[in-house]
Amino acid sequence: MSRESQQAFLAGVKALWPVAKGSLAEVRKPCARPRCARCARGEKHPAFIFTFLEQGRRRCMHVPRELAPVVRRAIENGRRLEEAIGRAGVEVILEYRRRRDAGAERGRAR
């Protein structure tokens, strides 16, 4: 990867904070209060759950409602980061080929 490509990659990655890999779902759950009228009517309470992998195992965490927009943005940034990593891998190979072919052209000119 050329120095310019590397610097562009790092600048783009720096702008992708916060970053996360996983999913965010809004679910309905009963609460722990024994006499909750809402739960008694079967309505339950909205809650956000962040699901992610940790050492190959699926994990879930409760996300406070006010943090949900930040987690959504982090997940989207994580997807963008994965795309950037994929493009960087292609760039490494293409740069190698360009240098290899330029060296071969110089060798033929002699």
PDB file of N, CA and C in Angstrom:
ATOM      1  N   MET A   1       0.856  -1.173   0.000  1.00  0.00           N
ATOM      2  CA  MET A   1       0.000   0.000   0.000  1.00  0.00           C
ATOM      3  C   MET A   1       0.902   1.235   0.000  1.00  0.00           C
ATOM      4  N   SER A   2       0.607   2.158  -0.870  1.00  0.00           N
ATOM      5  CA  SER A   2       1.433   3.365  -0.951  1.00  0.00           C
ATOM      6  C   SER A   2       1.243   4.220   0.305  1.00  0.00           C
ATOM      7  N   ARG A   3       2.201   5.070   0.538  1.00  0.00           N
ATOM      8  CA  ARG A   3       2.156   5.943   1.727  1.00  0.00           C
ATOM      9  C   ARG A   3       0.906   6.828   1.690  1.00  0.00           C
ATOM     10  N   GLU A   4       0.551   7.319   0.496  1.00  0.00           N
ATOM     11  CA  GLU A   4      -0.629   8.180   0.362  1.00  0.00           C
ATOM     12  C   GLU A   4      -1.907   7.395   0.675  1.00  0.00           C
ATOM     13  N   SER A   5      -1.974   6.159   0.167  1.00  0.00           N
ATOM     14  CA  SER A   5      -3.144   5.317   0.429  1.00  0.00           C
ATOM     15  C   SER A   5      -3.255   5.011   1.913  1.00  0.00           C
ATOM     16  N   GLN A   6      -2.122   4.748   2.545  1.00  0.00           N
ATOM     17  CA  GLN A   6      -2.112   4.442   3.967  1.00  0.00           C
ATOM     18  C   GLN A   6      -2.592   5.636   4.777  1.00  0.00           C
ATOM     19  N   GLN A   7      -2.119   6.815   4.433  1.00  0.00           N
ATOM     20  CA  GLN A   7      -2.536   8.019   5.160  1.00  0.00           C
ATOM     21  C   GLN A   7      -4.024   8.301   4.959  1.00  0.00           C
ATOM     22  N   ALA A   8      -4.522   8.089   3.739  1.00  0.00           N
ATOM     23  CA  ALA A   8      -5.949   8.294   3.468  1.00  0.00           C
ATOM     24  C   ALA A   8      -6.786   7.294   4.260  1.00  0.00           C
ATOM     25  N   PHE A   9      -6.326   6.042   4.316  1.00  0.00           N
ATOM     26  CA  PHE A   9      -7.031   5.019   5.074  1.00  0.00           C
ATOM     27  C   PHE A   9      -7.108   5.401   6.551  1.00  0.00           C
ATOM     28  N   LEU A  10      -5.970   5.779   7.125  1.00  0.00           N
ATOM     29  CA  LEU A  10      -5.928   6.124   8.547  1.00  0.00           C
ATOM     30  C   LEU A  10      -6.790   7.348   8.859  1.00  0.00           C
ATOM     31  N   ALA A  11      -6.801   8.325   7.970  1.00  0.00           N
ATOM     32  CA  ALA A  11      -7.640   9.507   8.180  1.00  0.00           C
ATOM     33  C   ALA A  11      -9.121   9.125   8.133  1.00  0.00           C
ATOM     34  N   GLY A  12      -9.478   8.256   7.201  1.00  0.00           N
ATOM     35  CA  GLY A  12     -10.865   7.812   7.102  1.00  0.00           C
ATOM     36  C   GLY A  12     -11.293   7.001   8.310  1.00  0.00           C
ATOM     37  N   VAL A  13     -10.410   6.143   8.803  1.00  0.00           N
ATOM     38  CA  VAL A  13     -10.712   5.308   9.965  1.00  0.00           C
ATOM     39  C   VAL A  13     -10.875   6.169  11.219  1.00  0.00           C
ATOM     40  N   LYS A  14     -10.058   7.188  11.330  1.00  0.00           N
ATOM     41  CA  LYS A  14     -10.121   8.066  12.506  1.00  0.00           C
ATOM     42  C   LYS A  14     -11.503   8.714  12.628  1.00  0.00           C
ATOM     43  N   ALA A  15     -12.126   8.982  11.492  1.00  0.00           N
ATOM     44  CA  ALA A  15     -13.445   9.618  11.494  1.00  0.00           C
ATOM     45  C   ALA A  15     -14.568   8.635  11.852  1.00  0.00           C
ATOM     46  N   LEU A  16     -14.259   7.351  11.958  1.00  0.00           N
ATOM     47  CA  LEU A  16     -15.278   6.335  12.217  1.00  0.00           C
ATOM     48  C   LEU A  16     -15.379   5.963  13.697  1.00  0.00           C
ATOM     49  N   TRP A  17     -15.304   6.921  14.578  1.00  0.00           N
ATOM     50  CA  TRP A  17     -15.465   6.629  15.987  1.00  0.00           C
ATOM     51  C   TRP A  17     -16.776   7.206  16.471  1.00  0.00           C
ATOM     52  N   PRO A  18     -17.569   6.561  17.250  1.00  0.00           N
ATOM     53  CA  PRO A  18     -17.367   5.251  17.855  1.00  0.00           C
ATOM     54  C   PRO A  18     -17.599   4.129  16.846  1.00  0.00           C
ATOM     55  N   VAL A  19     -17.074   2.954  17.156  1.00  0.00           N
ATOM     56  CA  VAL A  19     -17.188   1.809  16.256  1.00  0.00           C
ATOM     57  C   VAL A  19     -17.608   0.574  17.055  1.00  0.00           C
ATOM     58  N   ALA A  20     -18.462  -0.259  16.443  1.00  0.00           N
ATOM     59  CA  ALA A  20     -18.906  -1.489  17.093  1.00  0.00           C
ATOM     60  C   ALA A  20     -19.283  -2.491  16.014  1.00  0.00           C
ATOM     61  N   LYS A  21     -19.239  -3.754  16.386  1.00  0.00           N
ATOM     62  CA  LYS A  21     -19.696  -4.822  15.490  1.00  0.00           C
ATOM     63  C   LYS A  21     -20.758  -5.608  16.244  1.00  0.00           C
ATOM     64  N   GLY A  22     -21.941  -5.672  15.671  1.00  0.00           N
ATOM     65  CA  GLY A  22     -23.042  -6.372  16.301  1.00  0.00           C
ATOM     66  C   GLY A  22     -24.347  -5.848  15.758  1.00  0.00           C
ATOM     67  N   SER A  23     -25.412  -6.034  16.524  1.00  0.00           N
ATOM     68  CA  SER A  23     -26.723  -5.536  16.105  1.00  0.00           C
ATOM     69  C   SER A  23     -27.459  -4.973  17.307  1.00  0.00           C
ATOM     70  N   LEU A  24     -28.390  -4.086  17.016  1.00  0.00           N
ATOM     71  CA  LEU A  24     -29.202  -3.456  18.055  1.00  0.00           C
ATOM     72  C   LEU A  24     -30.656  -3.741  17.733  1.00  0.00           C
ATOM     73  N   ALA A  25     -31.387  -4.245  18.712  1.00  0.00           N
ATOM     74  CA  ALA A  25     -32.801  -4.560  18.504  1.00  0.00           C
ATOM     75  C   ALA A  25     -33.626  -3.947  19.628  1.00  0.00           C
ATOM     76  N   GLU A  26     -34.813  -3.468  19.253  1.00  0.00           N
ATOM     77  CA  GLU A  26     -35.757  -3.011  20.268  1.00  0.00           C
ATOM     78  C   GLU A  26     -36.691  -4.178  20.547  1.00  0.00           C
ATOM     79  N   VAL A  27     -36.793  -4.544  21.807  1.00  0.00           N
ATOM     80  CA  VAL A  27     -37.622  -5.674  22.216  1.00  0.00           C
ATOM     81  C   VAL A  27     -38.616  -5.206  23.272  1.00  0.00           C
ATOM     82  N   ARG A  28     -39.559  -6.052  23.609  1.00  0.00           N
ATOM     83  CA  ARG A  28     -40.526  -5.780  24.676  1.00  0.00           C
ATOM     84  C   ARG A  28     -40.327  -6.820  25.764  1.00  0.00           C
ATOM     85  N   LYS A  29     -40.131  -6.342  26.996  1.00  0.00           N
ATOM     86  CA  LYS A  29     -39.841  -7.258  28.103  1.00  0.00           C
ATOM     87  C   LYS A  29     -40.705  -6.902  29.315  1.00  0.00           C
ATOM     88  N   PRO A  30     -41.065  -7.910  30.084  1.00  0.00           N
ATOM     89  CA  PRO A  30     -41.764  -7.610  31.334  1.00  0.00           C
ATOM     90  C   PRO A  30     -40.769  -7.043  32.350  1.00  0.00           C
ATOM     91  N   CYS A  31     -41.262  -6.243  33.259  1.00  0.00           N
ATOM     92  CA  CYS A  31     -40.363  -5.679  34.271  1.00  0.00           C
ATOM     93  C   CYS A  31     -40.374  -6.566  35.519  1.00  0.00           C
ATOM     94  N   ALA A  32     -39.622  -6.173  36.511  1.00  0.00           N
ATOM     95  CA  ALA A  32     -39.490  -6.965  37.737  1.00  0.00           C
ATOM     96  C   ALA A  32     -40.510  -6.562  38.805  1.00  0.00           C
ATOM     97  N   ARG A  33     -41.274  -5.517  38.551  1.00  0.00           N
ATOM     98  CA  ARG A  33     -42.246  -5.060  39.556  1.00  0.00           C
ATOM     99  C   ARG A  33     -43.443  -6.011  39.591  1.00  0.00           C
ATOM    100  N   PRO A  34     -43.824  -6.496  40.754  1.00  0.00           N
ATOM    101  CA  PRO A  34     -44.891  -7.500  40.834  1.00  0.00           C
ATOM    102  C   PRO A  34     -46.286  -6.974  40.464  1.00  0.00           C
ATOM    103  N   ARG A  35     -46.555  -5.697  40.650  1.00  0.00           N
ATOM    104  CA  ARG A  35     -47.897  -5.167  40.375  1.00  0.00           C
ATOM    105  C   ARG A  35     -47.893  -4.151  39.221  1.00  0.00           C
ATOM    106  N   CYS A  36     -47.074  -4.361  38.243  1.00  0.00           N
ATOM    107  CA  CYS A  36     -47.003  -3.419  37.123  1.00  0.00           C
ATOM    108  C   CYS A  36     -48.269  -3.560  36.267  1.00  0.00           C
ATOM    109  N   ALA A  37     -49.024  -2.460  36.153  1.00  0.00           N
ATOM    110  CA  ALA A  37     -50.275  -2.489  35.383  1.00  0.00           C
ATOM    111  C   ALA A  37     -50.005  -2.747  33.896  1.00  0.00           C
ATOM    112  N   ARG A  38     -48.943  -2.179  33.400  1.00  0.00           N
ATOM    113  CA  ARG A  38     -48.602  -2.346  31.974  1.00  0.00           C
ATOM    114  C   ARG A  38     -48.332  -3.819  31.656  1.00  0.00           C
ATOM    115  N   CYS A  39     -47.533  -4.461  32.497  1.00  0.00           N
ATOM    116  CA  CYS A  39     -47.212  -5.878  32.289  1.00  0.00           C
ATOM    117  C   CYS A  39     -48.467  -6.741  32.480  1.00  0.00           C
ATOM    118  N   ALA A  40     -49.325  -6.346  33.425  1.00  0.00           N
ATOM    119  CA  ALA A  40     -50.566  -7.096  33.662  1.00  0.00           C
ATOM    120  C   ALA A  40     -51.469  -7.058  32.434  1.00  0.00           C
ATOM    121  N   ARG A  41     -51.428  -5.952  31.687  1.00  0.00           N
ATOM    122  CA  ARG A  41     -52.216  -5.838  30.446  1.00  0.00           C
ATOM    123  C   ARG A  41     -51.526  -6.557  29.283  1.00  0.00           C
ATOM    124  N   GLY A  42     -50.298  -7.056  29.499  1.00  0.00           N
ATOM    125  CA  GLY A  42     -49.566  -7.755  28.442  1.00  0.00           C
ATOM    126  C   GLY A  42     -48.795  -6.834  27.513  1.00  0.00           C
ATOM    127  N   GLU A  43     -48.695  -5.552  27.873  1.00  0.00           N
ATOM    128  CA  GLU A  43     -48.011  -4.583  26.999  1.00  0.00           C
ATOM    129  C   GLU A  43     -46.492  -4.683  27.096  1.00  0.00           C
ATOM    130  N   LYS A  44     -45.982  -5.002  28.235  1.00  0.00           N
ATOM    131  CA  LYS A  44     -44.546  -5.077  28.497  1.00  0.00           C
ATOM    132  C   LYS A  44     -43.871  -3.728  28.269  1.00  0.00           C
ATOM    133  N   HIS A  45     -42.552  -3.685  28.437  1.00  0.00           N
ATOM    134  CA  HIS A  45     -41.800  -2.430  28.352  1.00  0.00           C
ATOM    135  C   HIS A  45     -40.781  -2.500  27.220  1.00  0.00           C
ATOM    136  N   PRO A  46     -40.629  -1.405  26.460  1.00  0.00           N
ATOM    137  CA  PRO A  46     -39.617  -1.415  25.396  1.00  0.00           C
ATOM    138  C   PRO A  46     -38.215  -1.388  26.000  1.00  0.00           C
ATOM    139  N   ALA A  47     -37.307  -2.106  25.360  1.00  0.00           N
ATOM    140  CA  ALA A  47     -35.906  -2.136  25.794  1.00  0.00           C
ATOM    141  C   ALA A  47     -35.037  -2.350  24.568  1.00  0.00           C
ATOM    142  N   PHE A  48     -33.784  -1.921  24.651  1.00  0.00           N
ATOM    143  CA  PHE A  48     -32.830  -2.117  23.561  1.00  0.00           C
ATOM    144  C   PHE A  48     -31.796  -3.151  23.984  1.00  0.00           C
ATOM    145  N   ILE A  49     -31.478  -4.063  23.068  1.00  0.00           N
ATOM    146  CA  ILE A  49     -30.508  -5.122  23.310  1.00  0.00           C
ATOM    147  C   ILE A  49     -29.438  -5.055  22.220  1.00  0.00           C
ATOM    148  N   PHE A  50     -28.172  -4.999  22.635  1.00  0.00           N
ATOM    149  CA  PHE A  50     -27.031  -5.050  21.723  1.00  0.00           C
ATOM    150  C   PHE A  50     -26.527  -6.488  21.731  1.00  0.00           C
ATOM    151  N   THR A  51     -26.472  -7.104  20.555  1.00  0.00           N
ATOM    152  CA  THR A  51     -26.009  -8.478  20.413  1.00  0.00           C
ATOM    153  C   THR A  51     -24.689  -8.467  19.663  1.00  0.00           C
ATOM    154  N   PHE A  52     -23.706  -9.226  20.174  1.00  0.00           N
ATOM    155  CA  PHE A  52     -22.367  -9.241  19.585  1.00  0.00           C
ATOM    156  C   PHE A  52     -21.720 -10.596  19.854  1.00  0.00           C
ATOM    157  N   LEU A  53     -20.620 -10.861  19.172  1.00  0.00           N
ATOM    158  CA  LEU A  53     -19.865 -12.091  19.397  1.00  0.00           C
ATOM    159  C   LEU A  53     -18.651 -11.799  20.255  1.00  0.00           C
ATOM    160  N   GLU A  54     -18.398 -12.678  21.211  1.00  0.00           N
ATOM    161  CA  GLU A  54     -17.225 -12.568  22.074  1.00  0.00           C
ATOM    162  C   GLU A  54     -16.598 -13.958  22.150  1.00  0.00           C
ATOM    163  N   GLN A  55     -15.409 -14.079  21.599  1.00  0.00           N
ATOM    164  CA  GLN A  55     -14.718 -15.362  21.548  1.00  0.00           C
ATOM    165  C   GLN A  55     -15.607 -16.446  20.943  1.00  0.00           C
ATOM    166  N   GLY A  56     -16.300 -16.087  19.859  1.00  0.00           N
ATOM    167  CA  GLY A  56     -17.132 -17.027  19.126  1.00  0.00           C
ATOM    168  C   GLY A  56     -18.489 -17.305  19.754  1.00  0.00           C
ATOM    169  N   ARG A  57     -18.794 -16.679  20.861  1.00  0.00           N
ATOM    170  CA  ARG A  57     -20.083 -16.897  21.519  1.00  0.00           C
ATOM    171  C   ARG A  57     -20.936 -15.646  21.455  1.00  0.00           C
ATOM    172  N   ARG A  58     -22.219 -15.848  21.216  1.00  0.00           N
ATOM    173  CA  ARG A  58     -23.158 -14.726  21.135  1.00  0.00           C
ATOM    174  C   ARG A  58     -23.417 -14.168  22.533  1.00  0.00           C
ATOM    175  N   ARG A  59     -23.307 -12.867  22.665  1.00  0.00           N
ATOM    176  CA  ARG A  59     -23.557 -12.178  23.927  1.00  0.00           C
ATOM    177  C   ARG A  59     -24.572 -11.068  23.690  1.00  0.00           C
ATOM    178  N   CYS A  60     -25.273 -10.692  24.746  1.00  0.00           N
ATOM    179  CA  CYS A  60     -26.251  -9.603  24.680  1.00  0.00           C
ATOM    180  C   CYS A  60     -26.050  -8.672  25.864  1.00  0.00           C
ATOM    181  N   MET A  61     -26.303  -7.401  25.600  1.00  0.00           N
ATOM    182  CA  MET A  61     -26.222  -6.395  26.664  1.00  0.00           C
ATOM    183  C   MET A  61     -27.413  -5.461  26.542  1.00  0.00           C
ATOM    184  N   HIS A  62     -27.946  -5.060  27.669  1.00  0.00           N
ATOM    185  CA  HIS A  62     -28.999  -4.050  27.689  1.00  0.00           C
ATOM    186  C   HIS A  62     -28.381  -2.701  27.341  1.00  0.00           C
ATOM    187  N   VAL A  63     -29.075  -1.927  26.543  1.00  0.00           N
ATOM    188  CA  VAL A  63     -28.609  -0.592  26.154  1.00  0.00           C
ATOM    189  C   VAL A  63     -29.633   0.430  26.643  1.00  0.00           C
ATOM    190  N   PRO A  64     -29.235   1.385  27.461  1.00  0.00           N
ATOM    191  CA  PRO A  64     -30.178   2.428  27.880  1.00  0.00           C
ATOM    192  C   PRO A  64     -30.728   3.179  26.667  1.00  0.00           C
ATOM    193  N   ARG A  65     -31.975   3.544  26.728  1.00  0.00           N
ATOM    194  CA  ARG A  65     -32.654   4.217  25.606  1.00  0.00           C
ATOM    195  C   ARG A  65     -31.859   5.416  25.090  1.00  0.00           C
ATOM    196  N   GLU A  66     -31.285   6.211  25.996  1.00  0.00           N
ATOM    197  CA  GLU A  66     -30.556   7.414  25.558  1.00  0.00           C
ATOM    198  C   GLU A  66     -29.239   7.079  24.851  1.00  0.00           C
ATOM    199  N   LEU A  67     -28.736   5.852  25.025  1.00  0.00           N
ATOM    200  CA  LEU A  67     -27.493   5.442  24.375  1.00  0.00           C
ATOM    201  C   LEU A  67     -27.746   4.757  23.018  1.00  0.00           C
ATOM    202  N   ALA A  68     -28.972   4.376  22.743  1.00  0.00           N
ATOM    203  CA  ALA A  68     -29.299   3.638  21.511  1.00  0.00           C
ATOM    204  C   ALA A  68     -28.841   4.357  20.235  1.00  0.00           C
ATOM    205  N   PRO A  69     -29.033   5.678  20.081  1.00  0.00           N
ATOM    206  CA  PRO A  69     -28.549   6.340  18.860  1.00  0.00           C
ATOM    207  C   PRO A  69     -27.030   6.252  18.696  1.00  0.00           C
ATOM    208  N   VAL A  70     -26.296   6.322  19.783  1.00  0.00           N
ATOM    209  CA  VAL A  70     -24.834   6.214  19.724  1.00  0.00           C
ATOM    210  C   VAL A  70     -24.435   4.808  19.285  1.00  0.00           C
ATOM    211  N   VAL A  71     -25.101   3.801  19.827  1.00  0.00           N
ATOM    212  CA  VAL A  71     -24.790   2.416  19.455  1.00  0.00           C
ATOM    213  C   VAL A  71     -25.142   2.167  17.989  1.00  0.00           C
ATOM    214  N   ARG A  72     -26.266   2.713  17.519  1.00  0.00           N
ATOM    215  CA  ARG A  72     -26.630   2.580  16.092  1.00  0.00           C
ATOM    216  C   ARG A  72     -25.530   3.161  15.199  1.00  0.00           C
ATOM    217  N   ARG A  73     -25.057   4.360  15.561  1.00  0.00           N
ATOM    218  CA  ARG A  73     -24.000   5.010  14.791  1.00  0.00           C
ATOM    219  C   ARG A  73     -22.714   4.181  14.838  1.00  0.00           C
ATOM    220  N   ALA A  74     -22.390   3.625  16.000  1.00  0.00           N
ATOM    221  CA  ALA A  74     -21.186   2.799  16.147  1.00  0.00           C
ATOM    222  C   ALA A  74     -21.266   1.558  15.264  1.00  0.00           C
ATOM    223  N   ILE A  75     -22.437   0.941  15.180  1.00  0.00           N
ATOM    224  CA  ILE A  75     -22.610  -0.248  14.332  1.00  0.00           C
ATOM    225  C   ILE A  75     -22.444   0.120  12.866  1.00  0.00           C
ATOM    226  N   GLU A  76     -23.032   1.234  12.456  1.00  0.00           N
ATOM    227  CA  GLU A  76     -22.873   1.682  11.060  1.00  0.00           C
ATOM    228  C   GLU A  76     -21.413   1.995  10.768  1.00  0.00           C
ATOM    229  N   ASN A  77     -20.733   2.649  11.704  1.00  0.00           N
ATOM    230  CA  ASN A  77     -19.309   2.927  11.524  1.00  0.00           C
ATOM    231  C   ASN A  77     -18.504   1.628  11.441  1.00  0.00           C
ATOM    232  N   GLY A  78     -18.899   0.624  12.211  1.00  0.00           N
ATOM    233  CA  GLY A  78     -18.236  -0.672  12.142  1.00  0.00           C
ATOM    234  C   GLY A  78     -18.373  -1.297  10.757  1.00  0.00           C
ATOM    235  N   ARG A  79     -19.542  -1.169  10.146  1.00  0.00           N
ATOM    236  CA  ARG A  79     -19.741  -1.685   8.779  1.00  0.00           C
ATOM    237  C   ARG A  79     -18.871  -0.921   7.784  1.00  0.00           C
ATOM    238  N   ARG A  80     -18.805   0.373   7.957  1.00  0.00           N
ATOM    239  CA  ARG A  80     -17.946   1.178   7.072  1.00  0.00           C
ATOM    240  C   ARG A  80     -16.478   0.808   7.245  1.00  0.00           C
ATOM    241  N   LEU A  81     -16.063   0.554   8.484  1.00  0.00           N
ATOM    242  CA  LEU A  81     -14.689   0.154   8.754  1.00  0.00           C
ATOM    243  C   LEU A  81     -14.373  -1.184   8.075  1.00  0.00           C
ATOM    244  N   GLU A  82     -15.280  -2.136   8.158  1.00  0.00           N
ATOM    245  CA  GLU A  82     -15.064  -3.425   7.492  1.00  0.00           C
ATOM    246  C   GLU A  82     -14.925  -3.245   5.982  1.00  0.00           C
ATOM    247  N   GLU A  83     -15.738  -2.366   5.388  1.00  0.00           N
ATOM    248  CA  GLU A  83     -15.618  -2.085   3.953  1.00  0.00           C
ATOM    249  C   GLU A  83     -14.257  -1.473   3.636  1.00  0.00           C
ATOM    250  N   ALA A  84     -13.810  -0.540   4.467  1.00  0.00           N
ATOM    251  CA  ALA A  84     -12.511   0.110   4.253  1.00  0.00           C
ATOM    252  C   ALA A  84     -11.371  -0.902   4.354  1.00  0.00           C
ATOM    253  N   ILE A  85     -11.469  -1.827   5.277  1.00  0.00           N
ATOM    254  CA  ILE A  85     -10.443  -2.858   5.417  1.00  0.00           C
ATOM    255  C   ILE A  85     -10.403  -3.728   4.165  1.00  0.00           C
ATOM    256  N   GLY A  86     -11.569  -4.085   3.647  1.00  0.00           N
ATOM    257  CA  GLY A  86     -11.625  -4.876   2.410  1.00  0.00           C
ATOM    258  C   GLY A  86     -10.982  -4.143   1.245  1.00  0.00           C
ATOM    259  N   ARG A  87     -11.300  -2.848   1.105  1.00  0.00           N
ATOM    260  CA  ARG A  87     -10.704  -2.055   0.025  1.00  0.00           C
ATOM    261  C   ARG A  87      -9.192  -1.934   0.204  1.00  0.00           C
ATOM    262  N   ALA A  88      -8.739  -1.814   1.453  1.00  0.00           N
ATOM    263  CA  ALA A  88      -7.297  -1.700   1.722  1.00  0.00           C
ATOM    264  C   ALA A  88      -6.576  -2.979   1.314  1.00  0.00           C
ATOM    265  N   GLY A  89      -7.189  -4.129   1.538  1.00  0.00           N
ATOM    266  CA  GLY A  89      -6.581  -5.391   1.122  1.00  0.00           C
ATOM    267  C   GLY A  89      -6.394  -5.457  -0.378  1.00  0.00           C
ATOM    268  N   VAL A  90      -7.398  -5.007  -1.117  1.00  0.00           N
ATOM    269  CA  VAL A  90      -7.297  -4.965  -2.582  1.00  0.00           C
ATOM    270  C   VAL A  90      -6.190  -4.004  -2.988  1.00  0.00           C
ATOM    271  N   GLU A  91      -6.108  -2.860  -2.318  1.00  0.00           N
ATOM    272  CA  GLU A  91      -5.092  -1.854  -2.642  1.00  0.00           C
ATOM    273  C   GLU A  91      -3.680  -2.401  -2.423  1.00  0.00           C
ATOM    274  N   VAL A  92      -3.481  -3.195  -1.375  1.00  0.00           N
ATOM    275  CA  VAL A  92      -2.173  -3.798  -1.114  1.00  0.00           C
ATOM    276  C   VAL A  92      -1.746  -4.667  -2.297  1.00  0.00           C
ATOM    277  N   ILE A  93      -2.657  -5.478  -2.784  1.00  0.00           N
ATOM    278  CA  ILE A  93      -2.348  -6.377  -3.907  1.00  0.00           C
ATOM    279  C   ILE A  93      -2.096  -5.587  -5.188  1.00  0.00           C
ATOM    280  N   LEU A  94      -2.956  -4.600  -5.461  1.00  0.00           N
ATOM    281  CA  LEU A  94      -2.780  -3.801  -6.678  1.00  0.00           C
ATOM    282  C   LEU A  94      -1.474  -3.020  -6.651  1.00  0.00           C
ATOM    283  N   GLU A  95      -1.103  -2.473  -5.503  1.00  0.00           N
ATOM    284  CA  GLU A  95       0.163  -1.745  -5.374  1.00  0.00           C
ATOM    285  C   GLU A  95       1.344  -2.683  -5.609  1.00  0.00           C
ATOM    286  N   TYR A  96       1.270  -3.881  -5.059  1.00  0.00           N
ATOM    287  CA  TYR A  96       2.329  -4.875  -5.282  1.00  0.00           C
ATOM    288  C   TYR A  96       2.474  -5.166  -6.777  1.00  0.00           C
ATOM    289  N   ARG A  97       1.349  -5.374  -7.444  1.00  0.00           N
ATOM    290  CA  ARG A  97       1.396  -5.681  -8.880  1.00  0.00           C
ATOM    291  C   ARG A  97       1.974  -4.521  -9.688  1.00  0.00           C
ATOM    292  N   ARG A  98       1.594  -3.289  -9.320  1.00  0.00           N
ATOM    293  CA  ARG A  98       2.129  -2.116 -10.035  1.00  0.00           C
ATOM    294  C   ARG A  98       3.644  -2.045  -9.888  1.00  0.00           C
ATOM    295  N   ARG A  99       4.130  -2.249  -8.663  1.00  0.00           N
ATOM    296  CA  ARG A  99       5.585  -2.201  -8.439  1.00  0.00           C
ATOM    297  C   ARG A  99       6.298  -3.350  -9.142  1.00  0.00           C
ATOM    298  N   ARG A 100       5.699  -4.521  -9.093  1.00  0.00           N
ATOM    299  CA  ARG A 100       6.297  -5.680  -9.752  1.00  0.00           C
ATOM    300  C   ARG A 100       6.376  -5.454 -11.260  1.00  0.00           C
ATOM    301  N   ASP A 101       5.283  -4.967 -11.847  1.00  0.00           N
ATOM    302  CA  ASP A 101       5.256  -4.742 -13.294  1.00  0.00           C
ATOM    303  C   ASP A 101       6.191  -3.611 -13.698  1.00  0.00           C
ATOM    304  N   ALA A 102       6.316  -2.574 -12.867  1.00  0.00           N
ATOM    305  CA  ALA A 102       7.244  -1.483 -13.181  1.00  0.00           C
ATOM    306  C   ALA A 102       8.676  -1.997 -13.141  1.00  0.00           C
ATOM    307  N   GLY A 103       8.986  -2.866 -12.199  1.00  0.00           N
ATOM    308  CA  GLY A 103      10.328  -3.462 -12.133  1.00  0.00           C
ATOM    309  C   GLY A 103      10.615  -4.359 -13.333  1.00  0.00           C
ATOM    310  N   ALA A 104       9.612  -5.100 -13.788  1.00  0.00           N
ATOM    311  CA  ALA A 104       9.767  -5.975 -14.939  1.00  0.00           C
ATOM    312  C   ALA A 104       9.992  -5.143 -16.216  1.00  0.00           C
ATOM    313  N   GLU A 105       9.309  -4.016 -16.306  1.00  0.00           N
ATOM    314  CA  GLU A 105       9.468  -3.134 -17.470  1.00  0.00           C
ATOM    315  C   GLU A 105      10.896  -2.561 -17.504  1.00  0.00           C
ATOM    316  N   ARG A 106      11.435  -2.185 -16.345  1.00  0.00           N
ATOM    317  CA  ARG A 106      12.796  -1.670 -16.294  1.00  0.00           C
ATOM    318  C   ARG A 106      13.808  -2.750 -16.689  1.00  0.00           C
ATOM    319  N   GLY A 107      13.516  -3.995 -16.261  1.00  0.00           N
ATOM    320  CA  GLY A 107      14.399  -5.104 -16.588  1.00  0.00           C
ATOM    321  C   GLY A 107      14.419  -5.398 -18.079  1.00  0.00           C
ATOM    322  N   ARG A 108      13.300  -5.227 -18.770  1.00  0.00           N
ATOM    323  CA  ARG A 108      13.220  -5.463 -20.212  1.00  0.00           C
ATOM    324  C   ARG A 108      13.909  -4.369 -21.013  1.00  0.00           C
ATOM    325  N   ALA A 109      13.914  -3.151 -20.458  1.00  0.00           N
ATOM    326  CA  ALA A 109      14.485  -2.010 -21.162  1.00  0.00           C
ATOM    327  C   ALA A 109      16.018  -2.098 -21.211  1.00  0.00           C
ATOM    328  N   ARG A 110      16.629  -2.862 -20.369  1.00  0.00           N
ATOM    329  CA  ARG A 110      18.094  -2.945 -20.314  1.00  0.00           C
ATOM    330  C   ARG A 110      18.668  -3.754 -21.418  1.00  0.00           C
TER     331      ARG A 110
END
